[in-house]
Each structure stands twice: as structure tokens, then as C-alpha cells.
PDB file of N, CA and C in Angstrom:
ATOM      1  N   MET A   1      -1.168  -3.209 -22.013  1.00  0.00           N
ATOM      2  CA  MET A   1      -1.282  -2.383 -20.834  1.00  0.00           C
ATOM      3  C   MET A   1      -0.416  -2.995 -19.727  1.00  0.00           C
ATOM      4  N   THR A   2       0.289  -2.162 -19.011  1.00  0.00           N
ATOM      5  CA  THR A   2       1.136  -2.606 -17.913  1.00  0.00           C
ATOM      6  C   THR A   2       0.414  -2.393 -16.591  1.00  0.00           C
ATOM      7  N   LEU A   3       0.524  -3.392 -15.724  1.00  0.00           N
ATOM      8  CA  LEU A   3      -0.059  -3.320 -14.393  1.00  0.00           C
ATOM      9  C   LEU A   3       1.052  -3.594 -13.387  1.00  0.00           C
ATOM     10  N   TYR A   4       1.123  -2.773 -12.363  1.00  0.00           N
ATOM     11  CA  TYR A   4       2.101  -2.967 -11.296  1.00  0.00           C
ATOM     12  C   TYR A   4       1.386  -3.474 -10.060  1.00  0.00           C
ATOM     13  N   ARG A   5       1.943  -4.497  -9.458  1.00  0.00           N
ATOM     14  CA  ARG A   5       1.409  -5.065  -8.213  1.00  0.00           C
ATOM     15  C   ARG A   5       2.531  -4.939  -7.186  1.00  0.00           C
ATOM     16  N   PHE A   6       2.219  -4.379  -6.019  1.00  0.00           N
ATOM     17  CA  PHE A   6       3.246  -4.145  -5.005  1.00  0.00           C
ATOM     18  C   PHE A   6       2.625  -4.186  -3.618  1.00  0.00           C
ATOM     19  N   THR A   7       3.477  -4.355  -2.640  1.00  0.00           N
ATOM     20  CA  THR A   7       3.029  -4.421  -1.251  1.00  0.00           C
ATOM     21  C   THR A   7       3.546  -3.203  -0.497  1.00  0.00           C
ATOM     22  N   VAL A   8       2.677  -2.575   0.268  1.00  0.00           N
ATOM     23  CA  VAL A   8       3.081  -1.480   1.146  1.00  0.00           C
ATOM     24  C   VAL A   8       2.936  -1.953   2.590  1.00  0.00           C
ATOM     25  N   SER A   9       3.907  -1.582   3.414  1.00  0.00           N
ATOM     26  CA  SER A   9       3.923  -2.021   4.815  1.00  0.00           C
ATOM     27  C   SER A   9       4.285  -0.859   5.720  1.00  0.00           C
ATOM     28  N   ALA A  10       3.602  -0.800   6.860  1.00  0.00           N
ATOM     29  CA  ALA A  10       3.931   0.218   7.857  1.00  0.00           C
ATOM     30  C   ALA A  10       5.267  -0.133   8.478  1.00  0.00           C
ATOM     31  N   ARG A  11       6.138   0.843   8.618  1.00  0.00           N
ATOM     32  CA  ARG A  11       7.428   0.597   9.265  1.00  0.00           C
ATOM     33  C   ARG A  11       7.279   0.527  10.776  1.00  0.00           C
ATOM     34  N   LEU A  12       6.321   1.276  11.285  1.00  0.00           N
ATOM     35  CA  LEU A  12       6.055   1.279  12.723  1.00  0.00           C
ATOM     36  C   LEU A  12       4.622   0.840  12.941  1.00  0.00           C
ATOM     37  N   LYS A  13       4.334   0.255  14.069  1.00  0.00           N
ATOM     38  CA  LYS A  13       3.009  -0.285  14.338  1.00  0.00           C
ATOM     39  C   LYS A  13       1.908   0.765  14.351  1.00  0.00           C
ATOM     40  N   HIS A  14       2.243   1.996  14.667  1.00  0.00           N
ATOM     41  CA  HIS A  14       1.207   3.000  14.870  1.00  0.00           C
ATOM     42  C   HIS A  14       1.054   3.993  13.717  1.00  0.00           C
ATOM     43  N   ASP A  15       1.655   3.726  12.570  1.00  0.00           N
ATOM     44  CA  ASP A  15       1.537   4.643  11.439  1.00  0.00           C
ATOM     45  C   ASP A  15       0.348   4.282  10.564  1.00  0.00           C
ATOM     46  N   PRO A  16      -0.706   5.106  10.563  1.00  0.00           N
ATOM     47  CA  PRO A  16      -1.866   4.796   9.717  1.00  0.00           C
ATOM     48  C   PRO A  16      -1.502   4.923   8.238  1.00  0.00           C
ATOM     49  N   LEU A  17      -2.222   4.210   7.407  1.00  0.00           N
ATOM     50  CA  LEU A  17      -1.989   4.271   5.971  1.00  0.00           C
ATOM     51  C   LEU A  17      -2.247   5.683   5.465  1.00  0.00           C
ATOM     52  N   PRO A  18      -1.316   6.250   4.689  1.00  0.00           N
ATOM     53  CA  PRO A  18      -1.559   7.576   4.111  1.00  0.00           C
ATOM     54  C   PRO A  18      -2.546   7.439   2.947  1.00  0.00           C
ATOM     55  N   VAL A  19      -3.809   7.608   3.230  1.00  0.00           N
ATOM     56  CA  VAL A  19      -4.891   7.356   2.271  1.00  0.00           C
ATOM     57  C   VAL A  19      -4.688   8.135   0.975  1.00  0.00           C
ATOM     58  N   ASP A  20      -4.166   9.340   1.050  1.00  0.00           N
ATOM     59  CA  ASP A  20      -3.968  10.130  -0.163  1.00  0.00           C
ATOM     60  C   ASP A  20      -2.997   9.459  -1.128  1.00  0.00           C
ATOM     61  N   MET A  21      -2.177   8.530  -0.641  1.00  0.00           N
ATOM     62  CA  MET A  21      -1.252   7.821  -1.528  1.00  0.00           C
ATOM     63  C   MET A  21      -2.004   6.922  -2.509  1.00  0.00           C
ATOM     64  N   LEU A  22      -3.180   6.471  -2.145  1.00  0.00           N
ATOM     65  CA  LEU A  22      -3.976   5.669  -3.076  1.00  0.00           C
ATOM     66  C   LEU A  22      -4.344   6.513  -4.302  1.00  0.00           C
ATOM     67  N   ARG A  23      -4.694   7.755  -4.059  1.00  0.00           N
ATOM     68  CA  ARG A  23      -4.997   8.672  -5.155  1.00  0.00           C
ATOM     69  C   ARG A  23      -3.723   9.059  -5.898  1.00  0.00           C
ATOM     70  N   TYR A  24      -2.679   9.401  -5.145  1.00  0.00           N
ATOM     71  CA  TYR A  24      -1.425   9.878  -5.729  1.00  0.00           C
ATOM     72  C   TYR A  24      -0.829   8.837  -6.676  1.00  0.00           C
ATOM     73  N   ASP A  25      -0.840   7.572  -6.262  1.00  0.00           N
ATOM     74  CA  ASP A  25      -0.296   6.497  -7.098  1.00  0.00           C
ATOM     75  C   ASP A  25      -1.372   5.810  -7.939  1.00  0.00           C
ATOM     76  N   SER A  26      -2.603   6.309  -7.892  1.00  0.00           N
ATOM     77  CA  SER A  26      -3.723   5.720  -8.643  1.00  0.00           C
ATOM     78  C   SER A  26      -3.788   4.211  -8.449  1.00  0.00           C
ATOM     79  N   CYS A  27      -3.830   3.790  -7.189  1.00  0.00           N
ATOM     80  CA  CYS A  27      -3.802   2.362  -6.911  1.00  0.00           C
ATOM     81  C   CYS A  27      -5.048   1.897  -6.171  1.00  0.00           C
ATOM     82  N   TRP A  28      -5.231   0.584  -6.188  1.00  0.00           N
ATOM     83  CA  TRP A  28      -6.398  -0.042  -5.572  1.00  0.00           C
ATOM     84  C   TRP A  28      -5.964  -1.362  -4.955  1.00  0.00           C
ATOM     85  N   PRO A  29      -6.762  -1.902  -4.030  1.00  0.00           N
ATOM     86  CA  PRO A  29      -6.405  -3.173  -3.398  1.00  0.00           C
ATOM     87  C   PRO A  29      -6.395  -4.310  -4.424  1.00  0.00           C
ATOM     88  N   ALA A  30      -5.445  -5.218  -4.274  1.00  0.00           N
ATOM     89  CA  ALA A  30      -5.278  -6.322  -5.222  1.00  0.00           C
ATOM     90  C   ALA A  30      -6.327  -7.413  -5.044  1.00  0.00           C
ATOM     91  N   SER A  31      -6.955  -7.492  -3.873  1.00  0.00           N
ATOM     92  CA  SER A  31      -7.940  -8.545  -3.611  1.00  0.00           C
ATOM     93  C   SER A  31      -8.946  -8.061  -2.576  1.00  0.00           C
ATOM     94  N   GLY A  32      -9.964  -8.855  -2.353  1.00  0.00           N
ATOM     95  CA  GLY A  32     -10.936  -8.537  -1.309  1.00  0.00           C
ATOM     96  C   GLY A  32     -10.297  -8.519   0.064  1.00  0.00           C
ATOM     97  N   GLU A  33      -9.389  -9.440   0.294  1.00  0.00           N
ATOM     98  CA  GLU A  33      -8.659  -9.482   1.573  1.00  0.00           C
ATOM     99  C   GLU A  33      -7.857  -8.204   1.773  1.00  0.00           C
ATOM    100  N   ASP A  34      -7.220  -7.722   0.696  1.00  0.00           N
ATOM    101  CA  ASP A  34      -6.456  -6.478   0.801  1.00  0.00           C
ATOM    102  C   ASP A  34      -7.377  -5.278   1.021  1.00  0.00           C
ATOM    103  N   ALA A  35      -8.576  -5.316   0.456  1.00  0.00           N
ATOM    104  CA  ALA A  35      -9.552  -4.246   0.702  1.00  0.00           C
ATOM    105  C   ALA A  35      -9.907  -4.196   2.186  1.00  0.00           C
ATOM    106  N   ASN A  36     -10.084  -5.363   2.801  1.00  0.00           N
ATOM    107  CA  ASN A  36     -10.355  -5.406   4.247  1.00  0.00           C
ATOM    108  C   ASN A  36      -9.170  -4.888   5.043  1.00  0.00           C
ATOM    109  N   LYS A  37      -7.962  -5.210   4.607  1.00  0.00           N
ATOM    110  CA  LYS A  37      -6.760  -4.711   5.292  1.00  0.00           C
ATOM    111  C   LYS A  37      -6.681  -3.189   5.214  1.00  0.00           C
ATOM    112  N   LEU A  38      -7.117  -2.623   4.085  1.00  0.00           N
ATOM    113  CA  LEU A  38      -7.106  -1.160   3.952  1.00  0.00           C
ATOM    114  C   LEU A  38      -7.943  -0.509   5.029  1.00  0.00           C
ATOM    115  N   SER A  39      -9.079  -1.096   5.310  1.00  0.00           N
ATOM    116  CA  SER A  39      -9.952  -0.568   6.357  1.00  0.00           C
ATOM    117  C   SER A  39      -9.216  -0.534   7.696  1.00  0.00           C
ATOM    118  N   ASP A  40      -8.495  -1.605   8.010  1.00  0.00           N
ATOM    119  CA  ASP A  40      -7.714  -1.648   9.250  1.00  0.00           C
ATOM    120  C   ASP A  40      -6.539  -0.675   9.193  1.00  0.00           C
ATOM    121  N   ALA A  41      -5.927  -0.548   8.022  1.00  0.00           N
ATOM    122  CA  ALA A  41      -4.704   0.249   7.888  1.00  0.00           C
ATOM    123  C   ALA A  41      -4.932   1.740   8.060  1.00  0.00           C
ATOM    124  N   VAL A  42      -6.134   2.220   7.779  1.00  0.00           N
ATOM    125  CA  VAL A  42      -6.381   3.655   7.916  1.00  0.00           C
ATOM    126  C   VAL A  42      -6.684   4.048   9.357  1.00  0.00           C
ATOM    127  N   GLN A  43      -6.908   3.076  10.209  1.00  0.00           N
ATOM    128  CA  GLN A  43      -7.162   3.358  11.614  1.00  0.00           C
ATOM    129  C   GLN A  43      -5.840   3.403  12.380  1.00  0.00           C
ATOM    130  N   ILE A  44      -5.803   4.237  13.387  1.00  0.00           N
ATOM    131  CA  ILE A  44      -4.579   4.376  14.175  1.00  0.00           C
ATOM    132  C   ILE A  44      -4.437   3.248  15.187  1.00  0.00           C
ATOM    133  N   ARG A  45      -5.525   2.534  15.476  1.00  0.00           N
ATOM    134  CA  ARG A  45      -5.502   1.489  16.503  1.00  0.00           C
ATOM    135  C   ARG A  45      -4.847   0.203  15.980  1.00  0.00           C
ATOM    136  N   ARG A  46      -3.566   0.245  15.714  1.00  0.00           N
ATOM    137  CA  ARG A  46      -2.861  -0.934  15.227  1.00  0.00           C
ATOM    138  C   ARG A  46      -1.653  -1.216  16.116  1.00  0.00           C
ATOM    139  N   GLU A  47      -1.805  -1.111  17.404  1.00  0.00           N
ATOM    140  CA  GLU A  47      -0.676  -1.317  18.297  1.00  0.00           C
ATOM    141  C   GLU A  47      -0.227  -2.769  18.333  1.00  0.00           C
ATOM    142  N   VAL A  48      -1.099  -3.686  17.932  1.00  0.00           N
ATOM    143  CA  VAL A  48      -0.805  -5.113  18.067  1.00  0.00           C
ATOM    144  C   VAL A  48       0.196  -5.601  17.038  1.00  0.00           C
ATOM    145  N   HIS A  49       0.023  -5.234  15.789  1.00  0.00           N
ATOM    146  CA  HIS A  49       0.940  -5.726  14.764  1.00  0.00           C
ATOM    147  C   HIS A  49       0.985  -4.765  13.582  1.00  0.00           C
ATOM    148  N   PRO A  50       2.130  -4.740  12.882  1.00  0.00           N
ATOM    149  CA  PRO A  50       2.208  -3.930  11.663  1.00  0.00           C
ATOM    150  C   PRO A  50       1.292  -4.518  10.592  1.00  0.00           C
ATOM    151  N   ILE A  51       1.057  -3.772   9.557  1.00  0.00           N
ATOM    152  CA  ILE A  51       0.136  -4.197   8.504  1.00  0.00           C
ATOM    153  C   ILE A  51       0.800  -4.081   7.138  1.00  0.00           C
ATOM    154  N   SER A  52       0.458  -4.991   6.233  1.00  0.00           N
ATOM    155  CA  SER A  52       0.909  -4.955   4.840  1.00  0.00           C
ATOM    156  C   SER A  52      -0.312  -5.111   3.951  1.00  0.00           C
ATOM    157  N   VAL A  53      -0.333  -4.346   2.864  1.00  0.00           N
ATOM    158  CA  VAL A  53      -1.444  -4.385   1.920  1.00  0.00           C
ATOM    159  C   VAL A  53      -0.865  -4.481   0.509  1.00  0.00           C
ATOM    160  N   THR A  54      -1.403  -5.384  -0.296  1.00  0.00           N
ATOM    161  CA  THR A  54      -0.977  -5.493  -1.687  1.00  0.00           C
ATOM    162  C   THR A  54      -1.906  -4.638  -2.538  1.00  0.00           C
ATOM    163  N   LEU A  55      -1.278  -3.814  -3.383  1.00  0.00           N
ATOM    164  CA  LEU A  55      -2.003  -2.872  -4.219  1.00  0.00           C
ATOM    165  C   LEU A  55      -1.661  -3.081  -5.685  1.00  0.00           C
ATOM    166  N   CYS A  56      -2.491  -2.544  -6.562  1.00  0.00           N
ATOM    167  CA  CYS A  56      -2.251  -2.572  -8.002  1.00  0.00           C
ATOM    168  C   CYS A  56      -2.382  -1.158  -8.549  1.00  0.00           C
ATOM    169  N   SER A  57      -1.657  -0.887  -9.635  1.00  0.00           N
ATOM    170  CA  SER A  57      -1.732   0.410 -10.294  1.00  0.00           C
ATOM    171  C   SER A  57      -1.263   0.263 -11.733  1.00  0.00           C
ATOM    172  N   HIS A  58      -1.618   1.232 -12.563  1.00  0.00           N
ATOM    173  CA  HIS A  58      -1.128   1.251 -13.936  1.00  0.00           C
ATOM    174  C   HIS A  58       0.170   2.052 -14.041  1.00  0.00           C
ATOM    175  N   SER A  59       0.656   2.576 -12.918  1.00  0.00           N
ATOM    176  CA  SER A  59       1.934   3.288 -12.895  1.00  0.00           C
ATOM    177  C   SER A  59       2.789   2.744 -11.754  1.00  0.00           C
ATOM    178  N   LYS A  60       4.087   2.960 -11.864  1.00  0.00           N
ATOM    179  CA  LYS A  60       5.001   2.485 -10.827  1.00  0.00           C
ATOM    180  C   LYS A  60       4.714   3.205  -9.510  1.00  0.00           C
ATOM    181  N   PRO A  61       4.881   2.506  -8.391  1.00  0.00           N
ATOM    182  CA  PRO A  61       4.672   3.186  -7.104  1.00  0.00           C
ATOM    183  C   PRO A  61       5.787   4.200  -6.842  1.00  0.00           C
ATOM    184  N   THR A  62       5.436   5.273  -6.155  1.00  0.00           N
ATOM    185  CA  THR A  62       6.428   6.294  -5.797  1.00  0.00           C
ATOM    186  C   THR A  62       7.027   5.921  -4.444  1.00  0.00           C
ATOM    187  N   ILE A  63       8.073   5.133  -4.497  1.00  0.00           N
ATOM    188  CA  ILE A  63       8.683   4.536  -3.307  1.00  0.00           C
ATOM    189  C   ILE A  63       9.117   5.603  -2.303  1.00  0.00           C
ATOM    190  N   ALA A  64       9.773   6.654  -2.771  1.00  0.00           N
ATOM    191  CA  ALA A  64      10.264   7.692  -1.855  1.00  0.00           C
ATOM    192  C   ALA A  64       9.113   8.409  -1.151  1.00  0.00           C
ATOM    193  N   ARG A  65       8.019   8.617  -1.861  1.00  0.00           N
ATOM    194  CA  ARG A  65       6.876   9.291  -1.231  1.00  0.00           C
ATOM    195  C   ARG A  65       6.238   8.399  -0.172  1.00  0.00           C
ATOM    196  N   TRP A  66       6.082   7.092  -0.451  1.00  0.00           N
ATOM    197  CA  TRP A  66       5.584   6.172   0.577  1.00  0.00           C
ATOM    198  C   TRP A  66       6.519   6.209   1.790  1.00  0.00           C
ATOM    199  N   ALA A  67       7.813   6.217   1.540  1.00  0.00           N
ATOM    200  CA  ALA A  67       8.795   6.237   2.634  1.00  0.00           C
ATOM    201  C   ALA A  67       8.666   7.498   3.483  1.00  0.00           C
ATOM    202  N   SER A  68       8.276   8.599   2.868  1.00  0.00           N
ATOM    203  CA  SER A  68       8.127   9.838   3.634  1.00  0.00           C
ATOM    204  C   SER A  68       7.007   9.731   4.667  1.00  0.00           C
ATOM    205  N   PHE A  69       6.079   8.788   4.461  1.00  0.00           N
ATOM    206  CA  PHE A  69       5.005   8.526   5.422  1.00  0.00           C
ATOM    207  C   PHE A  69       5.329   7.334   6.328  1.00  0.00           C
ATOM    208  N   LEU A  70       6.591   6.862   6.258  1.00  0.00           N
ATOM    209  CA  LEU A  70       7.088   5.726   7.041  1.00  0.00           C
ATOM    210  C   LEU A  70       6.448   4.401   6.629  1.00  0.00           C
ATOM    211  N   TRP A  71       6.136   4.276   5.342  1.00  0.00           N
ATOM    212  CA  TRP A  71       5.633   3.026   4.774  1.00  0.00           C
ATOM    213  C   TRP A  71       6.635   2.572   3.714  1.00  0.00           C
ATOM    214  N   SER A  72       6.914   1.285   3.669  1.00  0.00           N
ATOM    215  CA  SER A  72       7.845   0.761   2.675  1.00  0.00           C
ATOM    216  C   SER A  72       7.091   0.076   1.546  1.00  0.00           C
ATOM    217  N   VAL A  73       7.716   0.037   0.377  1.00  0.00           N
ATOM    218  CA  VAL A  73       7.161  -0.619  -0.798  1.00  0.00           C
ATOM    219  C   VAL A  73       8.059  -1.790  -1.146  1.00  0.00           C
ATOM    220  N   THR A  74       7.466  -2.981  -1.267  1.00  0.00           N
ATOM    221  CA  THR A  74       8.233  -4.185  -1.600  1.00  0.00           C
ATOM    222  C   THR A  74       7.461  -5.012  -2.632  1.00  0.00           C
ATOM    223  N   ASN A  75       8.096  -6.075  -3.058  1.00  0.00           N
ATOM    224  CA  ASN A  75       7.462  -7.063  -3.954  1.00  0.00           C
ATOM    225  C   ASN A  75       6.844  -6.423  -5.185  1.00  0.00           C
ATOM    226  N   ILE A  76       7.561  -5.515  -5.822  1.00  0.00           N
ATOM    227  CA  ILE A  76       7.019  -4.856  -7.016  1.00  0.00           C
ATOM    228  C   ILE A  76       7.070  -5.844  -8.185  1.00  0.00           C
ATOM    229  N   GLN A  77       5.907  -6.084  -8.777  1.00  0.00           N
ATOM    230  CA  GLN A  77       5.812  -6.959  -9.950  1.00  0.00           C
ATOM    231  C   GLN A  77       5.263  -6.144 -11.111  1.00  0.00           C
ATOM    232  N   THR A  78       5.818  -6.359 -12.289  1.00  0.00           N
ATOM    233  CA  THR A  78       5.316  -5.738 -13.495  1.00  0.00           C
ATOM    234  C   THR A  78       4.583  -6.802 -14.283  1.00  0.00           C
ATOM    235  N   LEU A  79       3.289  -6.590 -14.498  1.00  0.00           N
ATOM    236  CA  LEU A  79       2.463  -7.549 -15.229  1.00  0.00           C
ATOM    237  C   LEU A  79       2.010  -6.878 -16.521  1.00  0.00           C
ATOM    238  N   ARG A  80       2.170  -7.568 -17.622  1.00  0.00           N
ATOM    239  CA  ARG A  80       1.736  -7.023 -18.913  1.00  0.00           C
ATOM    240  C   ARG A  80       0.574  -7.836 -19.447  1.00  0.00           C
ATOM    241  N   GLY A  81      -0.447  -7.131 -19.925  1.00  0.00           N
ATOM    242  CA  GLY A  81      -1.623  -7.834 -20.403  1.00  0.00           C
ATOM    243  C   GLY A  81      -1.860  -7.678 -21.876  1.00  0.00           C
TER     244      GLY A  81
END
């Protein structure tokens, strides 16, 4: 089974995480810390600093779709189990 681990980051400080992308890419937070970051990322009150969250999925992330919401995808790792 292949597992993809990747980081999504807001390009602008005020862009909330597009929650539907979690469903669209069938992804979940990579750790408990990332789960806590998700809670912060869905709120619009992020004027202080941009946010990055590491996610996992069994399919490759749709980079262009994340970009359409002004979020970038980086650090894509392919893990095979």
C-alpha cells in the first residue's frame, strides 16, 4: 500500500483551510500536533502568522486544486508499506 505524506500551507495569512479538500484528497492529519493545527487552520482569525499542516493520504495530493484555494503543497513523500 502506498501512503503519501505532504504539507499544505496558506499562501496568505488570512486564507482559511479549504476543509472540503480533506475529503477531496481523502487525507488526514499526520500527527496529533497537525490535528490541532487543522483546528486553527479552518478559522479565519490567523492574521498573526501563516499556517502549515502535514497530511497523509493513500492518493497523491491534487496540487492545482489546493492552489486554487491559495494553499501550496510541498514536501511530498511517497511511503510504501
